[in-house]
């Protein structure tokens, strides 16, 4: 039913009315509404995906050329062949904190004035990673294991201790 509905929707005359112009070239082919939306969606997605941060500029002050609301700008290389642009550090850090942290660590910028939020996030990330690692490595090691309601020893010493507690040699 869904496939049939979508097929009927694409063939409906109200959805087949659009002529398009791309980069100044006129196309005589008629496009469906769905195809136009798909094209716009693809272009929007491409515009916001970046491949890497390649450089930075700053420190900048209000009133200086290139100032975009942050003391540093990051040169961002975009996916899909777009030209690199400079984006404010603050905005990029909100959007892609891991990429900004990696760039700052690789270029030794964590102790630079203006990169304090990035340094704090790096420290918080490292602390949470240590806690996660600690929880993963410690909790299974020291928690008792039970099979069919009977505690199973993890090593020889624990087996001897359980035998002594239970008064048997099982």
N, C-alpha and C. Protein backbone atom coordinates (compact mmCIF):
# COMPACT_ATOMS: atom_id res chain seq x y z
N UNK A 1 0.82 -1.20 0.00
CA UNK A 1 0.00 0.00 0.00
C UNK A 1 0.87 1.27 0.00
N UNK A 2 1.96 1.25 0.79
CA UNK A 2 2.83 2.43 0.85
C UNK A 2 3.50 2.67 -0.48
N UNK A 3 4.00 1.60 -1.11
CA UNK A 3 4.67 1.74 -2.40
C UNK A 3 3.68 2.26 -3.45
N UNK A 4 2.47 1.70 -3.42
CA UNK A 4 1.45 2.14 -4.38
C UNK A 4 1.10 3.61 -4.14
N UNK A 5 0.94 4.02 -2.87
CA UNK A 5 0.62 5.40 -2.56
C UNK A 5 1.72 6.35 -3.04
N UNK A 6 2.99 5.99 -2.78
CA UNK A 6 4.10 6.84 -3.22
C UNK A 6 4.16 6.90 -4.74
N UNK A 7 3.88 5.79 -5.41
CA UNK A 7 3.85 5.79 -6.88
C UNK A 7 2.75 6.70 -7.41
N UNK A 8 1.56 6.60 -6.81
CA UNK A 8 0.46 7.47 -7.22
C UNK A 8 0.78 8.93 -6.94
N UNK A 9 1.45 9.19 -5.84
CA UNK A 9 1.80 10.55 -5.46
C UNK A 9 2.78 11.16 -6.47
N UNK A 10 3.76 10.38 -6.91
CA UNK A 10 4.73 10.88 -7.88
C UNK A 10 4.11 11.09 -9.26
N UNK A 11 3.06 10.34 -9.59
CA UNK A 11 2.43 10.48 -10.90
C UNK A 11 1.31 11.53 -10.91
N UNK A 12 0.97 12.06 -9.76
CA UNK A 12 -0.12 13.04 -9.68
C UNK A 12 0.26 14.31 -10.44
N UNK A 13 -0.66 14.87 -11.27
CA UNK A 13 -0.32 16.03 -12.10
C UNK A 13 0.13 17.26 -11.32
N UNK A 14 -0.32 17.43 -10.10
CA UNK A 14 0.09 18.61 -9.31
C UNK A 14 1.58 18.57 -8.95
N UNK A 15 2.16 17.41 -8.99
CA UNK A 15 3.56 17.26 -8.60
C UNK A 15 4.51 17.27 -9.79
N UNK A 16 3.99 17.43 -10.99
CA UNK A 16 4.82 17.41 -12.19
C UNK A 16 4.66 18.73 -12.92
N UNK A 17 5.13 19.81 -12.31
CA UNK A 17 4.93 21.13 -12.88
C UNK A 17 6.19 21.96 -12.96
N UNK A 18 7.32 21.47 -12.51
CA UNK A 18 8.46 22.34 -12.27
C UNK A 18 9.52 22.24 -13.37
N UNK A 19 9.92 23.39 -13.86
CA UNK A 19 11.08 23.50 -14.73
C UNK A 19 12.18 24.04 -13.85
N UNK A 20 13.42 23.70 -14.15
CA UNK A 20 14.46 24.17 -13.24
C UNK A 20 15.59 24.84 -14.00
N UNK A 21 16.29 25.70 -13.27
CA UNK A 21 17.48 26.37 -13.76
C UNK A 21 18.60 26.05 -12.79
N UNK A 22 19.69 25.47 -13.29
CA UNK A 22 20.81 25.12 -12.44
C UNK A 22 22.04 25.86 -12.94
N UNK A 23 22.63 26.67 -12.08
CA UNK A 23 23.83 27.45 -12.42
C UNK A 23 23.66 28.25 -13.71
N UNK A 24 22.47 28.82 -13.90
CA UNK A 24 22.21 29.67 -15.05
C UNK A 24 21.80 28.91 -16.31
N UNK A 25 21.90 27.58 -16.29
CA UNK A 25 21.49 26.80 -17.45
C UNK A 25 20.03 26.40 -17.29
N UNK A 26 19.26 26.59 -18.36
CA UNK A 26 17.85 26.21 -18.32
C UNK A 26 17.70 24.77 -18.77
N UNK A 27 16.91 24.03 -18.04
CA UNK A 27 16.63 22.64 -18.38
C UNK A 27 15.16 22.55 -18.76
N UNK A 28 14.89 21.94 -19.89
CA UNK A 28 13.51 21.84 -20.37
C UNK A 28 12.78 20.65 -19.75
N UNK A 29 13.52 19.73 -19.13
CA UNK A 29 12.87 18.57 -18.54
C UNK A 29 12.00 19.01 -17.36
N UNK A 30 10.86 18.41 -17.26
CA UNK A 30 10.00 18.67 -16.12
C UNK A 30 10.45 17.79 -14.96
N UNK A 31 10.51 18.39 -13.78
CA UNK A 31 10.89 17.65 -12.59
C UNK A 31 9.71 17.55 -11.66
N UNK A 32 9.64 16.44 -10.95
CA UNK A 32 8.58 16.30 -9.97
C UNK A 32 8.94 17.09 -8.72
N UNK A 33 7.95 17.38 -7.94
CA UNK A 33 8.15 18.09 -6.69
C UNK A 33 9.12 17.34 -5.80
N UNK A 34 8.97 16.02 -5.76
CA UNK A 34 9.85 15.20 -4.93
C UNK A 34 11.29 15.29 -5.40
N UNK A 35 11.51 15.31 -6.73
CA UNK A 35 12.87 15.41 -7.25
C UNK A 35 13.50 16.76 -6.92
N UNK A 36 12.68 17.82 -6.98
CA UNK A 36 13.19 19.15 -6.63
C UNK A 36 13.60 19.17 -5.16
N UNK A 37 12.75 18.64 -4.30
CA UNK A 37 13.08 18.60 -2.87
C UNK A 37 14.31 17.74 -2.61
N UNK A 38 14.42 16.63 -3.32
CA UNK A 38 15.57 15.74 -3.17
C UNK A 38 16.86 16.47 -3.56
N UNK A 39 16.80 17.22 -4.65
CA UNK A 39 17.95 17.99 -5.11
C UNK A 39 18.36 19.04 -4.07
N UNK A 40 17.38 19.76 -3.56
CA UNK A 40 17.67 20.79 -2.56
C UNK A 40 18.23 20.16 -1.29
N UNK A 41 17.67 19.03 -0.90
CA UNK A 41 18.14 18.34 0.29
C UNK A 41 19.59 17.89 0.13
N UNK A 42 19.92 17.34 -1.03
CA UNK A 42 21.28 16.91 -1.30
C UNK A 42 22.25 18.08 -1.22
N UNK A 43 21.89 19.20 -1.81
CA UNK A 43 22.76 20.37 -1.80
C UNK A 43 22.94 20.89 -0.37
N UNK A 44 21.86 20.90 0.40
CA UNK A 44 21.96 21.37 1.79
C UNK A 44 22.87 20.47 2.60
N UNK A 45 22.71 19.16 2.43
CA UNK A 45 23.57 18.23 3.18
C UNK A 45 25.03 18.42 2.82
N UNK A 46 25.32 18.62 1.54
CA UNK A 46 26.70 18.78 1.12
C UNK A 46 27.31 20.04 1.70
N UNK A 47 26.50 21.09 1.80
CA UNK A 47 27.03 22.37 2.26
C UNK A 47 27.49 22.30 3.71
N UNK A 48 26.93 21.41 4.50
CA UNK A 48 27.25 21.41 5.92
C UNK A 48 28.19 20.30 6.34
N UNK A 49 28.60 19.44 5.44
CA UNK A 49 29.54 18.38 5.80
C UNK A 49 30.96 18.85 5.51
N UNK A 50 31.80 18.73 6.49
CA UNK A 50 33.18 19.16 6.26
C UNK A 50 34.11 17.96 6.37
N UNK A 51 35.24 18.08 5.70
CA UNK A 51 36.19 16.97 5.74
C UNK A 51 37.20 17.15 6.86
N UNK A 52 37.70 18.38 7.02
CA UNK A 52 38.68 18.58 8.10
C UNK A 52 38.88 20.07 8.35
N UNK A 53 39.52 20.34 9.47
CA UNK A 53 39.94 21.70 9.81
C UNK A 53 41.40 21.79 9.40
N UNK A 54 41.73 22.73 8.52
CA UNK A 54 43.08 22.75 7.97
C UNK A 54 43.96 23.87 8.52
N UNK A 55 43.38 24.92 9.07
CA UNK A 55 44.19 26.03 9.57
C UNK A 55 43.35 26.88 10.52
N UNK A 56 43.99 27.87 11.12
CA UNK A 56 43.26 28.80 11.97
C UNK A 56 43.87 30.20 11.81
N UNK A 57 43.09 31.20 12.17
CA UNK A 57 43.59 32.57 12.15
C UNK A 57 43.19 33.24 13.45
N UNK A 58 44.04 34.11 13.93
CA UNK A 58 43.74 34.80 15.17
C UNK A 58 44.98 34.96 15.99
N UNK A 59 44.90 35.61 17.11
CA UNK A 59 43.70 36.13 17.76
C UNK A 59 43.18 37.38 17.04
N UNK A 60 41.86 37.47 16.99
CA UNK A 60 41.18 38.58 16.35
C UNK A 60 40.39 39.36 17.39
N UNK A 61 40.23 40.66 17.13
CA UNK A 61 39.44 41.51 18.02
C UNK A 61 38.28 42.10 17.24
N UNK A 62 37.28 42.53 17.95
CA UNK A 62 36.13 43.17 17.34
C UNK A 62 36.59 44.35 16.49
N UNK A 63 36.06 44.46 15.28
CA UNK A 63 36.42 45.54 14.38
C UNK A 63 37.52 45.17 13.40
N UNK A 64 38.27 44.11 13.67
CA UNK A 64 39.31 43.69 12.73
C UNK A 64 38.67 42.94 11.56
N UNK A 65 39.30 43.03 10.38
CA UNK A 65 38.77 42.26 9.25
C UNK A 65 38.86 40.76 9.54
N UNK A 66 37.83 40.04 9.21
CA UNK A 66 37.81 38.60 9.46
C UNK A 66 37.21 38.22 10.80
N UNK A 67 36.94 39.20 11.67
CA UNK A 67 36.34 38.89 12.97
C UNK A 67 34.88 38.47 12.75
N UNK A 68 34.53 37.30 13.28
CA UNK A 68 33.18 36.78 13.09
C UNK A 68 32.52 36.43 14.42
N UNK A 69 32.91 37.12 15.47
CA UNK A 69 32.29 36.88 16.76
C UNK A 69 33.09 35.99 17.68
N UNK A 70 34.26 35.57 17.26
CA UNK A 70 35.11 34.72 18.07
C UNK A 70 36.55 35.18 17.87
N UNK A 71 37.39 34.98 18.88
CA UNK A 71 38.77 35.48 18.78
C UNK A 71 39.61 34.68 17.79
N UNK A 72 39.18 33.49 17.42
CA UNK A 72 39.87 32.68 16.42
C UNK A 72 38.87 32.19 15.38
N UNK A 73 39.34 32.06 14.16
CA UNK A 73 38.56 31.45 13.09
C UNK A 73 39.28 30.19 12.63
N UNK A 74 38.52 29.18 12.27
CA UNK A 74 39.08 27.93 11.78
C UNK A 74 38.80 27.78 10.29
N UNK A 75 39.84 27.43 9.54
CA UNK A 75 39.63 27.19 8.11
C UNK A 75 39.10 25.77 7.94
N UNK A 76 37.91 25.68 7.37
CA UNK A 76 37.22 24.41 7.25
C UNK A 76 37.16 24.02 5.77
N UNK A 77 37.58 22.79 5.48
CA UNK A 77 37.47 22.25 4.12
C UNK A 77 36.18 21.46 4.03
N UNK A 78 35.36 21.81 3.04
CA UNK A 78 34.04 21.23 2.90
C UNK A 78 34.04 20.08 1.91
N UNK A 79 33.14 19.15 2.14
CA UNK A 79 32.97 18.00 1.27
C UNK A 79 32.22 18.44 0.01
N UNK A 80 32.49 17.80 -1.11
CA UNK A 80 31.76 18.11 -2.33
C UNK A 80 32.41 19.18 -3.17
N UNK A 81 33.68 19.49 -2.90
CA UNK A 81 34.39 20.44 -3.75
C UNK A 81 34.16 21.90 -3.43
N UNK A 82 33.52 22.20 -2.32
CA UNK A 82 33.33 23.60 -1.93
C UNK A 82 34.67 24.19 -1.52
N UNK A 83 34.82 25.48 -1.70
CA UNK A 83 36.06 26.14 -1.30
C UNK A 83 36.14 26.22 0.22
N UNK A 84 37.34 26.15 0.79
CA UNK A 84 37.49 26.28 2.24
C UNK A 84 37.03 27.67 2.71
N UNK A 85 36.42 27.71 3.88
CA UNK A 85 35.98 28.97 4.46
C UNK A 85 36.48 29.07 5.89
N UNK A 86 36.51 30.29 6.40
CA UNK A 86 36.86 30.50 7.79
C UNK A 86 35.59 30.62 8.61
N UNK A 87 35.47 29.79 9.63
CA UNK A 87 34.31 29.78 10.51
C UNK A 87 34.77 30.10 11.93
N UNK A 88 33.94 30.78 12.73
CA UNK A 88 34.33 31.12 14.10
C UNK A 88 34.58 29.87 14.95
N UNK A 89 35.60 29.94 15.78
CA UNK A 89 35.95 28.83 16.67
C UNK A 89 34.75 28.43 17.53
N UNK A 90 34.07 29.42 18.08
CA UNK A 90 32.95 29.15 18.98
C UNK A 90 31.86 28.33 18.27
N UNK A 91 31.51 28.73 17.04
CA UNK A 91 30.46 28.02 16.31
C UNK A 91 30.90 26.60 15.94
N UNK A 92 32.12 26.46 15.48
CA UNK A 92 32.61 25.13 15.11
C UNK A 92 32.71 24.22 16.33
N UNK A 93 33.08 24.79 17.47
CA UNK A 93 33.19 24.00 18.70
C UNK A 93 31.82 23.51 19.15
N UNK A 94 30.79 24.34 18.96
CA UNK A 94 29.43 23.91 19.30
C UNK A 94 28.96 22.80 18.37
N UNK A 95 29.29 22.91 17.08
CA UNK A 95 28.82 21.96 16.09
C UNK A 95 29.61 20.64 16.10
N UNK A 96 30.93 20.75 16.16
CA UNK A 96 31.81 19.58 16.04
C UNK A 96 32.92 19.62 17.09
N UNK A 97 32.58 19.39 18.36
CA UNK A 97 33.60 19.52 19.41
C UNK A 97 34.77 18.55 19.25
N UNK A 98 34.50 17.32 18.81
CA UNK A 98 35.59 16.34 18.69
C UNK A 98 36.61 16.75 17.64
N UNK A 99 36.14 17.28 16.52
CA UNK A 99 37.06 17.72 15.46
C UNK A 99 37.90 18.90 15.92
N UNK A 100 37.29 19.84 16.65
CA UNK A 100 38.02 21.01 17.14
C UNK A 100 39.05 20.58 18.19
N UNK A 101 38.66 19.67 19.07
CA UNK A 101 39.59 19.17 20.09
C UNK A 101 40.78 18.49 19.42
N UNK A 102 40.52 17.66 18.44
CA UNK A 102 41.61 16.96 17.73
C UNK A 102 42.54 17.96 17.06
N UNK A 103 41.99 19.01 16.44
CA UNK A 103 42.82 20.02 15.77
C UNK A 103 43.66 20.78 16.80
N UNK A 104 43.04 21.17 17.91
CA UNK A 104 43.76 21.92 18.93
C UNK A 104 44.89 21.08 19.54
N UNK A 105 44.64 19.81 19.79
CA UNK A 105 45.69 18.93 20.34
C UNK A 105 46.82 18.75 19.34
N UNK A 106 46.48 18.54 18.07
CA UNK A 106 47.49 18.30 17.05
C UNK A 106 48.37 19.53 16.81
N UNK A 107 47.83 20.72 17.04
CA UNK A 107 48.57 21.95 16.77
C UNK A 107 49.04 22.67 18.04
N UNK A 108 48.91 22.02 19.19
CA UNK A 108 49.41 22.59 20.44
C UNK A 108 48.74 23.89 20.84
N UNK A 109 47.43 23.99 20.66
CA UNK A 109 46.72 25.24 20.94
C UNK A 109 45.96 25.22 22.26
N UNK A 110 46.01 24.15 23.00
CA UNK A 110 45.20 24.04 24.21
C UNK A 110 45.58 25.05 25.28
N UNK A 111 46.85 25.45 25.35
CA UNK A 111 47.28 26.41 26.35
C UNK A 111 47.25 27.85 25.84
N UNK A 112 46.80 28.05 24.62
CA UNK A 112 46.72 29.38 24.02
C UNK A 112 45.48 30.11 24.53
N UNK A 113 45.64 31.41 24.79
CA UNK A 113 44.51 32.21 25.24
C UNK A 113 43.44 32.22 24.14
N UNK A 114 42.19 32.01 24.53
CA UNK A 114 41.10 31.96 23.57
C UNK A 114 40.65 30.53 23.28
N UNK A 115 41.43 29.55 23.71
CA UNK A 115 41.10 28.15 23.50
C UNK A 115 40.76 27.46 24.82
N UNK A 116 40.41 28.22 25.85
CA UNK A 116 40.15 27.68 27.18
C UNK A 116 38.99 26.70 27.22
N UNK A 117 37.90 27.02 26.51
CA UNK A 117 36.76 26.10 26.50
C UNK A 117 37.13 24.76 25.88
N UNK A 118 37.96 24.80 24.87
CA UNK A 118 38.40 23.57 24.20
C UNK A 118 39.26 22.75 25.16
N UNK A 119 40.14 23.44 25.90
CA UNK A 119 41.00 22.74 26.86
C UNK A 119 40.15 22.08 27.95
N UNK A 120 39.16 22.81 28.47
CA UNK A 120 38.28 22.24 29.50
C UNK A 120 37.55 21.02 28.98
N UNK A 121 37.05 21.11 27.75
CA UNK A 121 36.34 19.97 27.16
C UNK A 121 37.27 18.78 26.98
N UNK A 122 38.53 19.05 26.64
CA UNK A 122 39.51 17.98 26.48
C UNK A 122 39.74 17.28 27.81
N UNK A 123 39.86 18.07 28.87
CA UNK A 123 40.08 17.49 30.20
C UNK A 123 38.87 16.69 30.66
N UNK A 124 37.67 17.22 30.41
CA UNK A 124 36.45 16.49 30.78
C UNK A 124 36.33 15.19 29.99
N UNK A 125 36.68 15.25 28.71
CA UNK A 125 36.61 14.07 27.86
C UNK A 125 37.60 13.01 28.36
N UNK A 126 38.81 13.44 28.70
CA UNK A 126 39.82 12.50 29.20
C UNK A 126 39.37 11.87 30.51
N UNK A 127 38.78 12.69 31.40
CA UNK A 127 38.31 12.18 32.68
C UNK A 127 37.19 11.16 32.48
N UNK A 128 36.24 11.48 31.61
CA UNK A 128 35.15 10.54 31.39
C UNK A 128 35.64 9.26 30.72
N UNK A 129 36.63 9.36 29.83
CA UNK A 129 37.19 8.16 29.21
C UNK A 129 37.90 7.29 30.25
N UNK A 130 38.61 7.93 31.20
CA UNK A 130 39.26 7.16 32.26
C UNK A 130 38.23 6.46 33.14
N UNK A 131 37.15 7.16 33.45
CA UNK A 131 36.11 6.55 34.29
C UNK A 131 35.45 5.38 33.57
N UNK A 132 35.18 5.55 32.30
CA UNK A 132 34.57 4.46 31.53
C UNK A 132 35.51 3.26 31.47
N UNK A 133 36.78 3.52 31.21
CA UNK A 133 37.77 2.44 31.17
C UNK A 133 37.86 1.74 32.52
N UNK A 134 37.87 2.52 33.58
CA UNK A 134 37.95 1.94 34.92
C UNK A 134 36.73 1.08 35.22
N UNK A 135 35.57 1.57 34.86
CA UNK A 135 34.35 0.80 35.11
C UNK A 135 34.34 -0.49 34.31
N UNK A 136 34.82 -0.43 33.08
CA UNK A 136 34.85 -1.63 32.24
C UNK A 136 35.83 -2.67 32.76
N UNK A 137 36.98 -2.22 33.24
CA UNK A 137 38.01 -3.18 33.64
C UNK A 137 37.82 -3.70 35.05
N UNK A 138 37.21 -2.92 35.93
CA UNK A 138 37.13 -3.36 37.33
C UNK A 138 35.86 -4.11 37.68
N UNK A 139 34.74 -3.68 37.23
CA UNK A 139 33.51 -4.29 37.71
C UNK A 139 33.37 -5.77 37.36
N UNK A 140 33.68 -6.22 36.17
CA UNK A 140 33.53 -7.66 35.90
C UNK A 140 34.56 -8.51 36.64
N UNK A 141 35.73 -7.95 36.93
CA UNK A 141 36.77 -8.73 37.59
C UNK A 141 36.41 -9.11 39.02
N UNK A 142 35.76 -8.21 39.71
CA UNK A 142 35.57 -8.42 41.14
C UNK A 142 34.16 -8.84 41.51
N UNK A 143 33.25 -8.85 40.58
CA UNK A 143 31.89 -9.27 40.92
C UNK A 143 31.82 -10.80 40.86
N UNK A 144 31.10 -11.42 41.78
CA UNK A 144 31.01 -12.88 41.79
C UNK A 144 30.20 -13.38 40.60
N UNK A 145 30.54 -14.60 40.15
CA UNK A 145 29.85 -15.24 39.04
C UNK A 145 29.05 -16.41 39.59
N UNK A 146 27.79 -16.50 39.18
CA UNK A 146 26.92 -17.59 39.61
C UNK A 146 26.42 -18.34 38.39
N UNK A 147 26.42 -19.67 38.48
CA UNK A 147 25.84 -20.51 37.45
C UNK A 147 24.91 -21.51 38.12
N UNK A 148 23.66 -21.52 37.69
CA UNK A 148 22.65 -22.40 38.26
C UNK A 148 22.52 -22.22 39.76
N UNK A 149 22.70 -20.99 40.22
CA UNK A 149 22.54 -20.68 41.63
C UNK A 149 23.75 -20.98 42.49
N UNK A 150 24.83 -21.47 41.89
CA UNK A 150 26.04 -21.82 42.63
C UNK A 150 27.15 -20.86 42.21
N UNK A 151 27.88 -20.34 43.20
CA UNK A 151 28.96 -19.42 42.90
C UNK A 151 30.14 -20.18 42.28
N UNK A 152 30.66 -19.62 41.17
CA UNK A 152 31.76 -20.25 40.44
C UNK A 152 33.04 -19.48 40.75
N UNK A 153 34.10 -20.18 41.17
CA UNK A 153 35.36 -19.50 41.46
C UNK A 153 36.05 -19.05 40.17
N UNK A 154 36.79 -17.95 40.28
CA UNK A 154 37.50 -17.42 39.11
C UNK A 154 38.95 -17.93 39.04
N UNK A 155 39.49 -18.36 40.18
CA UNK A 155 40.86 -18.87 40.19
C UNK A 155 41.01 -19.89 41.32
N UNK A 156 42.18 -20.45 41.45
CA UNK A 156 42.42 -21.51 42.44
C UNK A 156 42.23 -20.99 43.88
N UNK A 157 42.78 -19.83 44.17
CA UNK A 157 42.66 -19.29 45.54
C UNK A 157 41.19 -19.08 45.92
N UNK A 158 40.40 -18.58 44.99
CA UNK A 158 38.98 -18.36 45.28
C UNK A 158 38.26 -19.69 45.47
N UNK A 159 38.67 -20.72 44.73
CA UNK A 159 38.07 -22.05 44.88
C UNK A 159 38.36 -22.61 46.28
N UNK A 160 39.59 -22.46 46.75
CA UNK A 160 39.93 -22.94 48.09
C UNK A 160 39.16 -22.18 49.17
N UNK A 161 39.01 -20.87 48.98
CA UNK A 161 38.27 -20.04 49.93
C UNK A 161 36.80 -20.48 49.98
N UNK A 162 36.18 -20.75 48.81
CA UNK A 162 34.77 -21.18 48.78
C UNK A 162 34.62 -22.55 49.41
N UNK A 163 35.57 -23.45 49.19
CA UNK A 163 35.50 -24.75 49.82
C UNK A 163 35.57 -24.64 51.34
N UNK A 164 36.41 -23.76 51.82
CA UNK A 164 36.56 -23.58 53.28
C UNK A 164 35.26 -23.00 53.86
N UNK A 165 34.65 -22.01 53.15
CA UNK A 165 33.40 -21.39 53.63
C UNK A 165 32.25 -22.39 53.64
N UNK A 166 32.18 -23.26 52.62
CA UNK A 166 31.07 -24.19 52.48
C UNK A 166 31.31 -25.51 53.20
N UNK A 167 32.56 -25.73 53.63
CA UNK A 167 32.86 -26.98 54.35
C UNK A 167 32.84 -28.21 53.45
N UNK A 168 33.18 -28.03 52.16
CA UNK A 168 33.23 -29.18 51.25
C UNK A 168 34.41 -29.00 50.27
N UNK A 169 34.55 -29.94 49.34
CA UNK A 169 35.62 -29.87 48.35
C UNK A 169 35.07 -29.83 46.92
N UNK A 170 33.93 -29.19 46.74
CA UNK A 170 33.32 -29.14 45.41
C UNK A 170 34.03 -28.15 44.52
